[in-house]
Amino acid sequence: MNTFPQAVSMDEVLRFIEQNDLAFVYISRKSCGICHVIQPQVQEMLKEFPAIKPIQVSADDIPEVASQFTVFTVPALLLFAEGKEVIREARFVVMDELHGKFKQVVGNFTSR
């Protein structure tokens, strides 16, 4: 199974958000069952939105990610448009709703 590129530092995550117009940050923990179930679904969905660039952050490996983005539960799915958070989903994610939100953000972003 393919996985998102894995961040190794908080600096890398912040640089990633800064360098990508549409940056998707997937925050998880190794022991989180829901994280492992949702990730392939989100990954498949993102194939439809090539403008959205993903990165995964393990809160186990980079604990400061939780305080940096005020994340209380995982998985946390954050989409940034030009460095500004525009979508935040956590724990129980409704895929159809997330898809609609991605579509709206990408549509608004690419129609400028």
PDB file of N, CA and C in Angstrom:
ATOM      1  N   MET A   1       0.840  -1.199   0.000  1.00  0.00           N
ATOM      2  CA  MET A   1       0.000   0.000   0.000  1.00  0.00           C
ATOM      3  C   MET A   1       0.880   1.256   0.000  1.00  0.00           C
ATOM      4  N   ASN A   2       0.585   2.141  -0.917  1.00  0.00           N
ATOM      5  CA  ASN A   2       1.288   3.436  -0.926  1.00  0.00           C
ATOM      6  C   ASN A   2       0.831   4.245   0.270  1.00  0.00           C
ATOM      7  N   THR A   3       1.738   5.043   0.787  1.00  0.00           N
ATOM      8  CA  THR A   3       1.358   5.933   1.876  1.00  0.00           C
ATOM      9  C   THR A   3       1.765   7.348   1.503  1.00  0.00           C
ATOM     10  N   PHE A   4       1.231   8.304   2.243  1.00  0.00           N
ATOM     11  CA  PHE A   4       1.617   9.689   2.027  1.00  0.00           C
ATOM     12  C   PHE A   4       3.099   9.841   2.348  1.00  0.00           C
ATOM     13  N   PRO A   5       3.768  10.823   1.728  1.00  0.00           N
ATOM     14  CA  PRO A   5       5.139  11.124   2.156  1.00  0.00           C
ATOM     15  C   PRO A   5       5.130  11.435   3.655  1.00  0.00           C
ATOM     16  N   GLN A   6       6.128  10.929   4.356  1.00  0.00           N
ATOM     17  CA  GLN A   6       6.188  11.036   5.813  1.00  0.00           C
ATOM     18  C   GLN A   6       7.090  12.204   6.217  1.00  0.00           C
ATOM     19  N   ALA A   7       6.571  13.119   7.010  1.00  0.00           N
ATOM     20  CA  ALA A   7       7.374  14.230   7.520  1.00  0.00           C
ATOM     21  C   ALA A   7       8.289  13.721   8.630  1.00  0.00           C
ATOM     22  N   VAL A   8       9.482  14.288   8.696  1.00  0.00           N
ATOM     23  CA  VAL A   8      10.422  13.872   9.740  1.00  0.00           C
ATOM     24  C   VAL A   8      10.674  14.966  10.778  1.00  0.00           C
ATOM     25  N   SER A   9      10.163  16.178  10.516  1.00  0.00           N
ATOM     26  CA  SER A   9      10.351  17.268  11.488  1.00  0.00           C
ATOM     27  C   SER A   9       9.220  18.288  11.341  1.00  0.00           C
ATOM     28  N   MET A  10       9.023  19.072  12.384  1.00  0.00           N
ATOM     29  CA  MET A  10       8.015  20.133  12.338  1.00  0.00           C
ATOM     30  C   MET A  10       8.404  21.172  11.290  1.00  0.00           C
ATOM     31  N   ASP A  11       9.695  21.454  11.176  1.00  0.00           N
ATOM     32  CA  ASP A  11      10.169  22.403  10.156  1.00  0.00           C
ATOM     33  C   ASP A  11       9.778  21.946   8.763  1.00  0.00           C
ATOM     34  N   GLU A  12       9.907  20.638   8.518  1.00  0.00           N
ATOM     35  CA  GLU A  12       9.548  20.103   7.202  1.00  0.00           C
ATOM     36  C   GLU A  12       8.059  20.317   6.926  1.00  0.00           C
ATOM     37  N   VAL A  13       7.227  20.092   7.930  1.00  0.00           N
ATOM     38  CA  VAL A  13       5.777  20.272   7.765  1.00  0.00           C
ATOM     39  C   VAL A  13       5.466  21.735   7.439  1.00  0.00           C
ATOM     40  N   LEU A  14       6.048  22.651   8.178  1.00  0.00           N
ATOM     41  CA  LEU A  14       5.788  24.080   7.955  1.00  0.00           C
ATOM     42  C   LEU A  14       6.292  24.529   6.585  1.00  0.00           C
ATOM     43  N   ARG A  15       7.448  24.013   6.183  1.00  0.00           N
ATOM     44  CA  ARG A  15       7.987  24.315   4.843  1.00  0.00           C
ATOM     45  C   ARG A  15       7.063  23.771   3.758  1.00  0.00           C
ATOM     46  N   PHE A  16       6.566  22.555   3.973  1.00  0.00           N
ATOM     47  CA  PHE A  16       5.658  21.912   3.021  1.00  0.00           C
ATOM     48  C   PHE A  16       4.407  22.769   2.810  1.00  0.00           C
ATOM     49  N   ILE A  17       3.827  23.261   3.904  1.00  0.00           N
ATOM     50  CA  ILE A  17       2.624  24.106   3.828  1.00  0.00           C
ATOM     51  C   ILE A  17       2.945  25.402   3.081  1.00  0.00           C
ATOM     52  N   GLU A  18       4.106  25.952   3.363  1.00  0.00           N
ATOM     53  CA  GLU A  18       4.530  27.205   2.742  1.00  0.00           C
ATOM     54  C   GLU A  18       4.787  27.035   1.236  1.00  0.00           C
ATOM     55  N   GLN A  19       5.332  25.895   0.847  1.00  0.00           N
ATOM     56  CA  GLN A  19       5.766  25.686  -0.542  1.00  0.00           C
ATOM     57  C   GLN A  19       4.667  25.156  -1.460  1.00  0.00           C
ATOM     58  N   ASN A  20       3.555  24.683  -0.916  1.00  0.00           N
ATOM     59  CA  ASN A  20       2.477  24.129  -1.739  1.00  0.00           C
ATOM     60  C   ASN A  20       1.219  24.970  -1.586  1.00  0.00           C
ATOM     61  N   ASP A  21       0.658  25.393  -2.719  1.00  0.00           N
ATOM     62  CA  ASP A  21      -0.552  26.219  -2.681  1.00  0.00           C
ATOM     63  C   ASP A  21      -1.690  25.509  -1.954  1.00  0.00           C
ATOM     64  N   LEU A  22      -1.847  24.213  -2.227  1.00  0.00           N
ATOM     65  CA  LEU A  22      -2.852  23.408  -1.530  1.00  0.00           C
ATOM     66  C   LEU A  22      -2.114  22.265  -0.842  1.00  0.00           C
ATOM     67  N   ALA A  23      -1.930  22.396   0.458  1.00  0.00           N
ATOM     68  CA  ALA A  23      -1.155  21.416   1.235  1.00  0.00           C
ATOM     69  C   ALA A  23      -2.088  20.677   2.194  1.00  0.00           C
ATOM     70  N   PHE A  24      -2.089  19.343   2.091  1.00  0.00           N
ATOM     71  CA  PHE A  24      -2.922  18.508   2.933  1.00  0.00           C
ATOM     72  C   PHE A  24      -2.035  17.816   3.966  1.00  0.00           C
ATOM     73  N   VAL A  25      -2.340  18.030   5.238  1.00  0.00           N
ATOM     74  CA  VAL A  25      -1.544  17.456   6.327  1.00  0.00           C
ATOM     75  C   VAL A  25      -2.408  16.409   7.039  1.00  0.00           C
ATOM     76  N   TYR A  26      -1.912  15.163   7.032  1.00  0.00           N
ATOM     77  CA  TYR A  26      -2.613  14.040   7.662  1.00  0.00           C
ATOM     78  C   TYR A  26      -1.859  13.685   8.931  1.00  0.00           C
ATOM     79  N   ILE A  27      -2.475  13.967  10.087  1.00  0.00           N
ATOM     80  CA  ILE A  27      -1.821  13.739  11.377  1.00  0.00           C
ATOM     81  C   ILE A  27      -2.405  12.462  11.990  1.00  0.00           C
ATOM     82  N   SER A  28      -1.513  11.540  12.355  1.00  0.00           N
ATOM     83  CA  SER A  28      -1.965  10.258  12.883  1.00  0.00           C
ATOM     84  C   SER A  28      -1.040   9.790  14.004  1.00  0.00           C
ATOM     85  N   ARG A  29      -1.381   8.653  14.562  1.00  0.00           N
ATOM     86  CA  ARG A  29      -0.526   7.960  15.528  1.00  0.00           C
ATOM     87  C   ARG A  29      -0.423   6.507  15.082  1.00  0.00           C
ATOM     88  N   LYS A  30       0.670   5.878  15.448  1.00  0.00           N
ATOM     89  CA  LYS A  30       0.888   4.476  15.050  1.00  0.00           C
ATOM     90  C   LYS A  30      -0.178   3.548  15.621  1.00  0.00           C
ATOM     91  N   SER A  31      -0.644   3.827  16.829  1.00  0.00           N
ATOM     92  CA  SER A  31      -1.606   2.947  17.501  1.00  0.00           C
ATOM     93  C   SER A  31      -3.063   3.262  17.159  1.00  0.00           C
ATOM     94  N   CYS A  32      -3.301   4.170  16.232  1.00  0.00           N
ATOM     95  CA  CYS A  32      -4.660   4.615  15.901  1.00  0.00           C
ATOM     96  C   CYS A  32      -5.246   3.769  14.774  1.00  0.00           C
ATOM     97  N   GLY A  33      -6.185   2.903  15.127  1.00  0.00           N
ATOM     98  CA  GLY A  33      -6.817   2.045  14.128  1.00  0.00           C
ATOM     99  C   GLY A  33      -7.579   2.830  13.069  1.00  0.00           C
ATOM    100  N   ILE A  34      -8.325   3.846  13.503  1.00  0.00           N
ATOM    101  CA  ILE A  34      -9.099   4.655  12.571  1.00  0.00           C
ATOM    102  C   ILE A  34      -8.169   5.337  11.564  1.00  0.00           C
ATOM    103  N   CYS A  35      -7.015   5.791  12.024  1.00  0.00           N
ATOM    104  CA  CYS A  35      -6.041   6.445  11.139  1.00  0.00           C
ATOM    105  C   CYS A  35      -5.675   5.537   9.971  1.00  0.00           C
ATOM    106  N   HIS A  36      -5.452   4.265  10.269  1.00  0.00           N
ATOM    107  CA  HIS A  36      -5.007   3.317   9.251  1.00  0.00           C
ATOM    108  C   HIS A  36      -6.132   2.934   8.300  1.00  0.00           C
ATOM    109  N   VAL A  37      -7.382   3.031   8.757  1.00  0.00           N
ATOM    110  CA  VAL A  37      -8.533   2.718   7.912  1.00  0.00           C
ATOM    111  C   VAL A  37      -8.844   3.888   6.981  1.00  0.00           C
ATOM    112  N   ILE A  38      -8.787   5.099   7.510  1.00  0.00           N
ATOM    113  CA  ILE A  38      -9.161   6.283   6.736  1.00  0.00           C
ATOM    114  C   ILE A  38      -8.102   6.659   5.701  1.00  0.00           C
ATOM    115  N   GLN A  39      -6.832   6.474   6.035  1.00  0.00           N
ATOM    116  CA  GLN A  39      -5.774   6.952   5.152  1.00  0.00           C
ATOM    117  C   GLN A  39      -5.894   6.453   3.708  1.00  0.00           C
ATOM    118  N   PRO A  40      -6.070   5.143   3.467  1.00  0.00           N
ATOM    119  CA  PRO A  40      -6.161   4.715   2.066  1.00  0.00           C
ATOM    120  C   PRO A  40      -7.374   5.306   1.347  1.00  0.00           C
ATOM    121  N   GLN A  41      -8.452   5.542   2.078  1.00  0.00           N
ATOM    122  CA  GLN A  41      -9.649   6.152   1.468  1.00  0.00           C
ATOM    123  C   GLN A  41      -9.357   7.596   1.046  1.00  0.00           C
ATOM    124  N   VAL A  42      -8.688   8.324   1.923  1.00  0.00           N
ATOM    125  CA  VAL A  42      -8.339   9.716   1.606  1.00  0.00           C
ATOM    126  C   VAL A  42      -7.330   9.742   0.458  1.00  0.00           C
ATOM    127  N   GLN A  43      -6.384   8.834   0.504  1.00  0.00           N
ATOM    128  CA  GLN A  43      -5.375   8.761  -0.549  1.00  0.00           C
ATOM    129  C   GLN A  43      -6.022   8.526  -1.914  1.00  0.00           C
ATOM    130  N   GLU A  44      -6.958   7.617  -1.951  1.00  0.00           N
ATOM    131  CA  GLU A  44      -7.680   7.316  -3.194  1.00  0.00           C
ATOM    132  C   GLU A  44      -8.443   8.562  -3.659  1.00  0.00           C
ATOM    133  N   MET A  45      -9.099   9.247  -2.722  1.00  0.00           N
ATOM    134  CA  MET A  45      -9.865  10.448  -3.050  1.00  0.00           C
ATOM    135  C   MET A  45      -8.965  11.538  -3.628  1.00  0.00           C
ATOM    136  N   LEU A  46      -7.771  11.676  -3.063  1.00  0.00           N
ATOM    137  CA  LEU A  46      -6.870  12.746  -3.507  1.00  0.00           C
ATOM    138  C   LEU A  46      -6.381  12.546  -4.937  1.00  0.00           C
ATOM    139  N   LYS A  47      -6.494  11.339  -5.482  1.00  0.00           N
ATOM    140  CA  LYS A  47      -6.123  11.118  -6.886  1.00  0.00           C
ATOM    141  C   LYS A  47      -6.954  12.001  -7.811  1.00  0.00           C
ATOM    142  N   GLU A  48      -8.170  12.317  -7.352  1.00  0.00           N
ATOM    143  CA  GLU A  48      -9.073  13.171  -8.131  1.00  0.00           C
ATOM    144  C   GLU A  48      -8.660  14.654  -8.053  1.00  0.00           C
ATOM    145  N   PHE A  49      -7.822  14.991  -7.093  1.00  0.00           N
ATOM    146  CA  PHE A  49      -7.435  16.386  -6.857  1.00  0.00           C
ATOM    147  C   PHE A  49      -5.913  16.519  -6.870  1.00  0.00           C
ATOM    148  N   PRO A  50      -5.294  16.416  -8.032  1.00  0.00           N
ATOM    149  CA  PRO A  50      -3.819  16.445  -8.088  1.00  0.00           C
ATOM    150  C   PRO A  50      -3.221  17.771  -7.603  1.00  0.00           C
ATOM    151  N   ALA A  51      -4.020  18.824  -7.531  1.00  0.00           N
ATOM    152  CA  ALA A  51      -3.513  20.114  -7.043  1.00  0.00           C
ATOM    153  C   ALA A  51      -3.222  20.061  -5.544  1.00  0.00           C
ATOM    154  N   ILE A  52      -3.866  19.121  -4.832  1.00  0.00           N
ATOM    155  CA  ILE A  52      -3.671  18.989  -3.394  1.00  0.00           C
ATOM    156  C   ILE A  52      -2.480  18.070  -3.145  1.00  0.00           C
ATOM    157  N   LYS A  53      -1.463  18.602  -2.477  1.00  0.00           N
ATOM    158  CA  LYS A  53      -0.252  17.831  -2.170  1.00  0.00           C
ATOM    159  C   LYS A  53      -0.313  17.342  -0.721  1.00  0.00           C
ATOM    160  N   PRO A  54      -0.170  16.024  -0.499  1.00  0.00           N
ATOM    161  CA  PRO A  54      -0.297  15.483   0.860  1.00  0.00           C
ATOM    162  C   PRO A  54       1.039  15.228   1.559  1.00  0.00           C
ATOM    163  N   ILE A  55       0.987  15.293   2.882  1.00  0.00           N
ATOM    164  CA  ILE A  55       2.099  14.861   3.725  1.00  0.00           C
ATOM    165  C   ILE A  55       1.494  14.262   4.992  1.00  0.00           C
ATOM    166  N   GLN A  56       2.149  13.260   5.531  1.00  0.00           N
ATOM    167  CA  GLN A  56       1.674  12.626   6.767  1.00  0.00           C
ATOM    168  C   GLN A  56       2.623  12.972   7.902  1.00  0.00           C
ATOM    169  N   VAL A  57       2.023  13.207   9.070  1.00  0.00           N
ATOM    170  CA  VAL A  57       2.817  13.519  10.256  1.00  0.00           C
ATOM    171  C   VAL A  57       2.387  12.563  11.365  1.00  0.00           C
ATOM    172  N   SER A  58       3.341  11.857  11.934  1.00  0.00           N
ATOM    173  CA  SER A  58       3.052  10.991  13.076  1.00  0.00           C
ATOM    174  C   SER A  58       3.214  11.815  14.352  1.00  0.00           C
ATOM    175  N   ALA A  59       2.134  11.914  15.118  1.00  0.00           N
ATOM    176  CA  ALA A  59       2.194  12.631  16.391  1.00  0.00           C
ATOM    177  C   ALA A  59       3.081  11.890  17.388  1.00  0.00           C
ATOM    178  N   ASP A  60       3.367  10.611  17.106  1.00  0.00           N
ATOM    179  CA  ASP A  60       4.303   9.853  17.940  1.00  0.00           C
ATOM    180  C   ASP A  60       5.736  10.322  17.688  1.00  0.00           C
ATOM    181  N   ASP A  61       6.060  10.544  16.418  1.00  0.00           N
ATOM    182  CA  ASP A  61       7.420  10.937  16.038  1.00  0.00           C
ATOM    183  C   ASP A  61       7.668  12.435  16.194  1.00  0.00           C
ATOM    184  N   ILE A  62       6.626  13.241  15.968  1.00  0.00           N
ATOM    185  CA  ILE A  62       6.751  14.708  16.045  1.00  0.00           C
ATOM    186  C   ILE A  62       5.646  15.215  16.979  1.00  0.00           C
ATOM    187  N   PRO A  63       5.841  15.049  18.304  1.00  0.00           N
ATOM    188  CA  PRO A  63       4.767  15.394  19.247  1.00  0.00           C
ATOM    189  C   PRO A  63       4.342  16.861  19.199  1.00  0.00           C
ATOM    190  N   GLU A  64       5.243  17.747  18.794  1.00  0.00           N
ATOM    191  CA  GLU A  64       4.881  19.173  18.772  1.00  0.00           C
ATOM    192  C   GLU A  64       3.850  19.511  17.702  1.00  0.00           C
ATOM    193  N   VAL A  65       3.568  18.574  16.787  1.00  0.00           N
ATOM    194  CA  VAL A  65       2.559  18.834  15.761  1.00  0.00           C
ATOM    195  C   VAL A  65       1.190  19.073  16.400  1.00  0.00           C
ATOM    196  N   ALA A  66       0.914  18.388  17.502  1.00  0.00           N
ATOM    197  CA  ALA A  66      -0.385  18.541  18.172  1.00  0.00           C
ATOM    198  C   ALA A  66      -0.583  19.962  18.686  1.00  0.00           C
ATOM    199  N   SER A  67       0.438  20.512  19.321  1.00  0.00           N
ATOM    200  CA  SER A  67       0.297  21.884  19.829  1.00  0.00           C
ATOM    201  C   SER A  67       0.378  22.909  18.697  1.00  0.00           C
ATOM    202  N   GLN A  68       1.209  22.650  17.709  1.00  0.00           N
ATOM    203  CA  GLN A  68       1.356  23.586  16.586  1.00  0.00           C
ATOM    204  C   GLN A  68       0.009  23.812  15.879  1.00  0.00           C
ATOM    205  N   PHE A  69      -0.750  22.737  15.703  1.00  0.00           N
ATOM    206  CA  PHE A  69      -2.019  22.831  14.967  1.00  0.00           C
ATOM    207  C   PHE A  69      -3.248  22.640  15.852  1.00  0.00           C
ATOM    208  N   THR A  70      -3.072  22.675  17.174  1.00  0.00           N
ATOM    209  CA  THR A  70      -4.168  22.504  18.131  1.00  0.00           C
ATOM    210  C   THR A  70      -4.996  21.261  17.801  1.00  0.00           C
ATOM    211  N   VAL A  71      -4.330  20.123  17.769  1.00  0.00           N
ATOM    212  CA  VAL A  71      -4.974  18.849  17.464  1.00  0.00           C
ATOM    213  C   VAL A  71      -5.138  18.064  18.767  1.00  0.00           C
ATOM    214  N   PHE A  72      -6.382  17.673  19.054  1.00  0.00           N
ATOM    215  CA  PHE A  72      -6.681  16.948  20.283  1.00  0.00           C
ATOM    216  C   PHE A  72      -6.953  15.473  20.045  1.00  0.00           C
ATOM    217  N   THR A  73      -7.271  15.102  18.812  1.00  0.00           N
ATOM    218  CA  THR A  73      -7.564  13.718  18.488  1.00  0.00           C
ATOM    219  C   THR A  73      -7.069  13.411  17.081  1.00  0.00           C
ATOM    220  N   VAL A  74      -6.781  12.149  16.841  1.00  0.00           N
ATOM    221  CA  VAL A  74      -6.331  11.730  15.516  1.00  0.00           C
ATOM    222  C   VAL A  74      -7.299  10.684  14.964  1.00  0.00           C
ATOM    223  N   PRO A  75      -7.373  10.546  13.649  1.00  0.00           N
ATOM    224  CA  PRO A  75      -6.627  11.322  12.679  1.00  0.00           C
ATOM    225  C   PRO A  75      -7.150  12.752  12.593  1.00  0.00           C
ATOM    226  N   ALA A  76      -6.248  13.657  12.281  1.00  0.00           N
ATOM    227  CA  ALA A  76      -6.618  15.045  12.000  1.00  0.00           C
ATOM    228  C   ALA A  76      -6.228  15.313  10.556  1.00  0.00           C
ATOM    229  N   LEU A  77      -7.177  15.805   9.784  1.00  0.00           N
ATOM    230  CA  LEU A  77      -6.968  16.079   8.368  1.00  0.00           C
ATOM    231  C   LEU A  77      -7.079  17.577   8.177  1.00  0.00           C
ATOM    232  N   LEU A  78      -5.986  18.202   7.778  1.00  0.00           N
ATOM    233  CA  LEU A  78      -5.951  19.654   7.636  1.00  0.00           C
ATOM    234  C   LEU A  78      -5.587  20.006   6.202  1.00  0.00           C
ATOM    235  N   LEU A  79      -6.374  20.892   5.592  1.00  0.00           N
ATOM    236  CA  LEU A  79      -6.040  21.380   4.259  1.00  0.00           C
ATOM    237  C   LEU A  79      -5.737  22.865   4.355  1.00  0.00           C
ATOM    238  N   PHE A  80      -4.593  23.228   3.808  1.00  0.00           N
ATOM    239  CA  PHE A  80      -4.155  24.624   3.796  1.00  0.00           C
ATOM    240  C   PHE A  80      -4.161  25.137   2.367  1.00  0.00           C
ATOM    241  N   ALA A  81      -4.739  26.312   2.160  1.00  0.00           N
ATOM    242  CA  ALA A  81      -4.707  26.980   0.863  1.00  0.00           C
ATOM    243  C   ALA A  81      -3.853  28.227   1.037  1.00  0.00           C
ATOM    244  N   GLU A  82      -2.747  28.259   0.335  1.00  0.00           N
ATOM    245  CA  GLU A  82      -1.781  29.355   0.442  1.00  0.00           C
ATOM    246  C   GLU A  82      -1.424  29.645   1.899  1.00  0.00           C
ATOM    247  N   GLY A  83      -1.190  28.578   2.663  1.00  0.00           N
ATOM    248  CA  GLY A  83      -0.734  28.713   4.038  1.00  0.00           C
ATOM    249  C   GLY A  83      -1.820  28.915   5.075  1.00  0.00           C
ATOM    250  N   LYS A  84      -3.070  29.062   4.639  1.00  0.00           N
ATOM    251  CA  LYS A  84      -4.178  29.303   5.570  1.00  0.00           C
ATOM    252  C   LYS A  84      -5.026  28.036   5.677  1.00  0.00           C
ATOM    253  N   GLU A  85      -5.320  27.610   6.909  1.00  0.00           N
ATOM    254  CA  GLU A  85      -6.147  26.417   7.102  1.00  0.00           C
ATOM    255  C   GLU A  85      -7.568  26.674   6.605  1.00  0.00           C
ATOM    256  N   VAL A  86      -8.039  25.820   5.694  1.00  0.00           N
ATOM    257  CA  VAL A  86      -9.384  25.983   5.133  1.00  0.00           C
ATOM    258  C   VAL A  86     -10.298  24.794   5.424  1.00  0.00           C
ATOM    259  N   ILE A  87      -9.723  23.642   5.737  1.00  0.00           N
ATOM    260  CA  ILE A  87     -10.516  22.460   6.102  1.00  0.00           C
ATOM    261  C   ILE A  87      -9.845  21.788   7.290  1.00  0.00           C
ATOM    262  N   ARG A  88     -10.672  21.368   8.249  1.00  0.00           N
ATOM    263  CA  ARG A  88     -10.189  20.602   9.397  1.00  0.00           C
ATOM    264  C   ARG A  88     -11.224  19.533   9.699  1.00  0.00           C
ATOM    265  N   GLU A  89     -10.800  18.299   9.636  1.00  0.00           N
ATOM    266  CA  GLU A  89     -11.641  17.168  10.005  1.00  0.00           C
ATOM    267  C   GLU A  89     -10.845  16.354  11.016  1.00  0.00           C
ATOM    268  N   ALA A  90     -11.533  15.704  11.928  1.00  0.00           N
ATOM    269  CA  ALA A  90     -10.829  14.895  12.918  1.00  0.00           C
ATOM    270  C   ALA A  90     -11.674  13.700  13.336  1.00  0.00           C
ATOM    271  N   ARG A  91     -10.977  12.668  13.746  1.00  0.00           N
ATOM    272  CA  ARG A  91     -11.517  11.425  14.298  1.00  0.00           C
ATOM    273  C   ARG A  91     -12.465  10.707  13.344  1.00  0.00           C
ATOM    274  N   PHE A  92     -13.742  11.057  13.347  1.00  0.00           N
ATOM    275  CA  PHE A  92     -14.711  10.381  12.481  1.00  0.00           C
ATOM    276  C   PHE A  92     -14.967  11.261  11.268  1.00  0.00           C
ATOM    277  N   VAL A  93     -14.461  10.835  10.129  1.00  0.00           N
ATOM    278  CA  VAL A  93     -14.515  11.637   8.918  1.00  0.00           C
ATOM    279  C   VAL A  93     -15.557  11.045   7.969  1.00  0.00           C
ATOM    280  N   VAL A  94     -16.491  11.881   7.524  1.00  0.00           N
ATOM    281  CA  VAL A  94     -17.487  11.457   6.540  1.00  0.00           C
ATOM    282  C   VAL A  94     -16.886  11.731   5.162  1.00  0.00           C
ATOM    283  N   MET A  95     -16.562  10.652   4.450  1.00  0.00           N
ATOM    284  CA  MET A  95     -15.822  10.785   3.192  1.00  0.00           C
ATOM    285  C   MET A  95     -16.556  11.620   2.146  1.00  0.00           C
ATOM    286  N   ASP A  96     -17.875  11.445   2.026  1.00  0.00           N
ATOM    287  CA  ASP A  96     -18.621  12.225   1.027  1.00  0.00           C
ATOM    288  C   ASP A  96     -18.545  13.719   1.329  1.00  0.00           C
ATOM    289  N   GLU A  97     -18.637  14.065   2.612  1.00  0.00           N
ATOM    290  CA  GLU A  97     -18.544  15.480   2.997  1.00  0.00           C
ATOM    291  C   GLU A  97     -17.143  16.022   2.722  1.00  0.00           C
ATOM    292  N   LEU A  98     -16.128  15.229   3.047  1.00  0.00           N
ATOM    293  CA  LEU A  98     -14.751  15.651   2.799  1.00  0.00           C
ATOM    294  C   LEU A  98     -14.519  15.853   1.299  1.00  0.00           C
ATOM    295  N   HIS A  99     -15.042  14.945   0.499  1.00  0.00           N
ATOM    296  CA  HIS A  99     -14.914  15.052  -0.954  1.00  0.00           C
ATOM    297  C   HIS A  99     -15.539  16.359  -1.441  1.00  0.00           C
ATOM    298  N   GLY A 100     -16.727  16.667  -0.945  1.00  0.00           N
ATOM    299  CA  GLY A 100     -17.401  17.905  -1.333  1.00  0.00           C
ATOM    300  C   GLY A 100     -16.593  19.137  -0.946  1.00  0.00           C
ATOM    301  N   LYS A 101     -15.992  19.101   0.225  1.00  0.00           N
ATOM    302  CA  LYS A 101     -15.172  20.229   0.679  1.00  0.00           C
ATOM    303  C   LYS A 101     -13.928  20.375  -0.189  1.00  0.00           C
ATOM    304  N   PHE A 102     -13.261  19.251  -0.498  1.00  0.00           N
ATOM    305  CA  PHE A 102     -12.093  19.296  -1.386  1.00  0.00           C
ATOM    306  C   PHE A 102     -12.480  19.904  -2.730  1.00  0.00           C
ATOM    307  N   LYS A 103     -13.609  19.437  -3.271  1.00  0.00           N
ATOM    308  CA  LYS A 103     -14.072  19.896  -4.583  1.00  0.00           C
ATOM    309  C   LYS A 103     -14.301  21.410  -4.572  1.00  0.00           C
ATOM    310  N   GLN A 104     -14.918  21.880  -3.503  1.00  0.00           N
ATOM    311  CA  GLN A 104     -15.212  23.307  -3.386  1.00  0.00           C
ATOM    312  C   GLN A 104     -13.929  24.129  -3.287  1.00  0.00           C
ATOM    313  N   VAL A 105     -13.000  23.715  -2.443  1.00  0.00           N
ATOM    314  CA  VAL A 105     -11.756  24.457  -2.259  1.00  0.00           C
ATOM    315  C   VAL A 105     -10.938  24.466  -3.546  1.00  0.00           C
ATOM    316  N   VAL A 106     -10.794  23.304  -4.167  1.00  0.00           N
ATOM    317  CA  VAL A 106     -10.015  23.218  -5.412  1.00  0.00           C
ATOM    318  C   VAL A 106     -10.690  24.040  -6.505  1.00  0.00           C
ATOM    319  N   GLY A 107     -12.021  23.964  -6.578  1.00  0.00           N
ATOM    320  CA  GLY A 107     -12.777  24.760  -7.566  1.00  0.00           C
ATOM    321  C   GLY A 107     -12.565  26.244  -7.368  1.00  0.00           C
ATOM    322  N   ASN A 108     -12.686  26.706  -6.137  1.00  0.00           N
ATOM    323  CA  ASN A 108     -12.478  28.125  -5.827  1.00  0.00           C
ATOM    324  C   ASN A 108     -11.034  28.531  -6.126  1.00  0.00           C
ATOM    325  N   PHE A 109     -10.123  27.642  -5.817  1.00  0.00           N
ATOM    326  CA  PHE A 109      -8.701  27.953  -5.952  1.00  0.00           C
ATOM    327  C   PHE A 109      -8.294  28.028  -7.424  1.00  0.00           C
ATOM    328  N   THR A 110      -8.775  27.089  -8.223  1.00  0.00           N
ATOM    329  CA  THR A 110      -8.333  27.028  -9.618  1.00  0.00           C
ATOM    330  C   THR A 110      -9.117  27.976 -10.517  1.00  0.00           C
ATOM    331  N   SER A 111     -10.242  28.518 -10.030  1.00  0.00           N
ATOM    332  CA  SER A 111     -11.043  29.407 -10.870  1.00  0.00           C
ATOM    333  C   SER A 111     -10.603  30.873 -10.773  1.00  0.00           C
ATOM    334  N   ARG A 112      -9.535  31.120 -10.014  1.00  0.00           N
ATOM    335  CA  ARG A 112      -9.086  32.512  -9.845  1.00  0.00           C
ATOM    336  C   ARG A 112      -8.283  32.961 -11.045  1.00  0.00           C
TER     337      ARG A 112
END
